[in-house]
Protein backbone atom coordinates (compact mmCIF):
# COMPACT_ATOMS: atom_id res chain seq x y z
CA THR A 1 0.18 -6.15 -26.20
CA ALA A 2 3.95 -6.49 -26.56
CA LEU A 3 4.05 -3.77 -29.22
CA LEU A 4 2.07 -1.47 -26.96
CA LEU A 5 4.37 -2.23 -24.01
CA ASN A 6 7.38 -1.43 -26.19
CA SER A 7 5.71 1.82 -27.17
CA SER A 8 5.18 2.68 -23.50
CA LEU A 9 8.82 1.96 -22.71
CA THR A 10 9.89 4.36 -25.45
CA ARG A 11 7.41 7.07 -24.43
CA LEU A 12 8.55 6.94 -20.78
CA LYS A 13 12.28 7.08 -21.51
CA ASP A 14 12.47 10.79 -20.59
CA CYS A 15 10.96 10.47 -17.11
CA MET A 16 12.36 7.14 -15.90
CA PRO A 17 13.58 6.36 -13.35
CA MET A 18 11.42 8.54 -11.14
CA ALA A 19 12.27 9.97 -7.72
CA GLY A 20 10.12 8.94 -4.76
CA ASN A 21 7.79 11.94 -4.85
CA THR A 22 7.65 12.40 -8.62
CA LEU A 23 4.15 11.06 -9.20
CA ASP A 24 2.32 14.06 -7.77
CA ALA A 25 4.49 16.47 -9.75
CA MET A 26 3.95 14.76 -13.11
CA SER A 27 1.90 16.38 -15.83
CA GLU A 28 -1.37 14.75 -16.88
CA THR A 29 0.30 13.62 -20.10
CA GLN A 30 3.11 11.92 -18.17
CA LYS A 31 0.61 10.30 -15.81
CA GLU A 32 -1.34 8.96 -18.79
CA LYS A 33 1.85 7.50 -20.28
CA LEU A 34 2.72 5.92 -16.95
CA ASP A 35 -0.79 4.54 -16.55
CA ALA A 36 -0.63 3.04 -20.05
CA PHE A 37 2.67 1.36 -19.13
CA ARG A 38 1.21 0.01 -15.90
CA VAL A 39 -1.79 -1.49 -17.70
CA ARG A 40 0.27 -2.91 -20.56
CA PHE A 41 2.80 -4.50 -18.19
CA GLY A 42 -0.04 -6.17 -16.28
CA ASP A 43 -1.88 -7.17 -19.45
CA LEU A 44 1.17 -8.89 -20.94
CA GLN A 45 1.82 -10.71 -17.70
CA ASP A 46 -1.81 -11.81 -17.46
CA LEU A 47 -1.82 -12.89 -21.10
CA LEU A 48 1.32 -15.02 -20.75
CA GLY A 49 0.50 -16.62 -17.41
CA GLY A 50 -3.23 -16.91 -17.86
CA LYS A 51 -3.72 -17.80 -21.50
CA VAL A 52 -0.64 -18.30 -23.65
CA TRP A 53 1.24 -20.77 -21.47
CA ARG A 54 -1.95 -22.64 -20.59
CA SER A 55 -2.76 -22.93 -24.31
CA LEU A 56 0.77 -24.11 -25.05
CA LEU A 57 0.48 -26.78 -22.36
CA ALA A 58 -2.92 -27.86 -23.68
CA ALA A 59 -1.44 -28.18 -27.18
CA GLU A 60 1.23 -30.46 -25.71
CA GLN A 61 -1.42 -32.36 -23.77
CA GLU A 62 0.13 -31.36 -20.45
CA LYS A 63 -2.07 -30.90 -17.43
CA ALA A 64 -1.68 -27.79 -15.28
CA ASP A 65 -4.30 -27.40 -12.59
CA THR A 66 -2.80 -24.44 -10.75
CA GLN A 67 -0.90 -21.31 -11.72
CA LEU A 68 2.16 -22.79 -10.03
CA ASP A 69 1.85 -25.85 -12.29
CA VAL A 70 1.78 -23.53 -15.31
CA LEU A 71 4.84 -21.66 -14.07
CA ASN A 72 6.74 -24.85 -13.35
CA GLN A 73 6.00 -26.09 -16.86
CA ALA A 74 7.06 -22.72 -18.34
CA GLU A 75 10.30 -22.96 -16.38
CA LYS A 76 10.82 -26.54 -17.57
CA ARG A 77 10.57 -25.21 -21.13
CA ARG A 78 13.01 -22.39 -20.24
CA LEU A 79 10.47 -19.66 -20.97
CA ILE A 80 10.94 -17.95 -17.59
CA SER A 81 11.99 -18.95 -14.09
CA VAL A 82 9.33 -19.28 -11.41
CA ASP A 83 11.28 -16.93 -9.14
CA ARG A 84 11.55 -14.26 -11.83
CA TRP A 85 7.84 -14.54 -12.58
CA ILE A 86 6.91 -14.22 -8.91
CA THR A 87 9.09 -11.11 -8.63
CA LEU A 88 7.48 -9.55 -11.70
CA ARG A 89 4.04 -10.42 -10.38
CA ALA A 90 4.80 -8.83 -7.01
CA LEU A 91 5.95 -5.67 -8.79
CA ARG A 92 2.74 -5.58 -10.80
CA ASN A 93 0.65 -6.03 -7.70
CA SER A 94 2.49 -3.29 -5.83
CA PHE A 95 1.71 -0.61 -8.41
CA ALA A 96 -1.70 -1.88 -9.48
CA HIS A 97 -3.52 0.00 -6.73
CA ASP A 98 -3.47 3.74 -6.21
CA TYR A 99 -2.89 4.41 -2.53
CA PRO A 100 -1.59 7.96 -1.98
CA GLU A 101 0.10 7.11 1.31
CA HIS A 102 2.29 4.56 -0.51
CA GLU A 103 3.58 6.82 -3.26
CA ILE A 104 7.27 6.06 -2.66
CA GLU A 105 6.66 2.30 -2.74
CA ARG A 106 4.53 2.60 -5.91
CA THR A 107 7.18 4.77 -7.55
CA ASP A 108 9.88 2.25 -6.68
CA ALA A 109 7.77 -0.61 -8.05
CA LEU A 110 7.09 1.30 -11.28
CA ASN A 111 10.80 2.05 -11.68
CA GLN A 112 11.64 -1.61 -11.18
CA ALA A 113 8.89 -2.74 -13.56
CA TYR A 114 10.16 -0.30 -16.18
CA ALA A 115 13.69 -1.63 -15.75
CA ARG A 116 12.50 -5.26 -15.92
CA ALA A 117 9.79 -5.05 -18.58
CA GLY A 118 12.27 -6.55 -21.00
CA GLU A 119 12.04 -9.78 -19.03
CA LEU A 120 8.36 -10.08 -19.92
CA LEU A 121 9.11 -9.33 -23.55
CA GLU A 122 11.91 -11.90 -23.52
CA ALA A 123 9.54 -14.51 -22.06
CA LEU A 124 7.10 -13.77 -24.87
CA ASN A 125 9.83 -14.08 -27.51
CA LEU A 126 11.03 -17.36 -26.00
CA THR A 127 7.44 -18.61 -25.98
CA ILE A 128 6.96 -17.70 -29.63
CA ALA A 129 10.22 -19.44 -30.58
CA TYR A 130 9.23 -22.49 -28.55
CA ALA A 131 5.81 -22.67 -30.22
CA ARG A 132 7.38 -22.38 -33.66
CA ASN A 133 10.09 -24.96 -33.03
CA LYS A 134 8.29 -27.53 -30.89
CA LEU A 135 4.72 -27.21 -32.11
CA SER A 136 5.26 -25.89 -35.65
CA VAL A 137 2.95 -22.99 -34.86
CA THR A 138 3.07 -20.10 -37.33
CA ILE A 139 2.90 -16.77 -35.55
């Protein structure tokens, strides 16, 4: 997922950041690249928050009943801050749905997500390093 997100970041370099009304004017190829980025951004976020960090906590025999518990434990391990995660999640949610009347807001969210995708990749890299160092996991 991270490799695919990196690929999307590279493929979108020419058209980012976008102006507010750019989405309608994009070619089908550009829209497909943008859609791939959107999906990959969301997938990596879902993977980290929903599976990877929960698995890490389970391996350390930590209990996390809620998503906020998971995020607090990730922050405790310096993998990501809760505030940063919430911001990234809000961005993802704002471009996840295709409402034509909200094109400017969606475009802004996509621009911000593109600019901040490195934060997700950094969280993944920190998680991998943590798993290697603290749990002796080979990845």
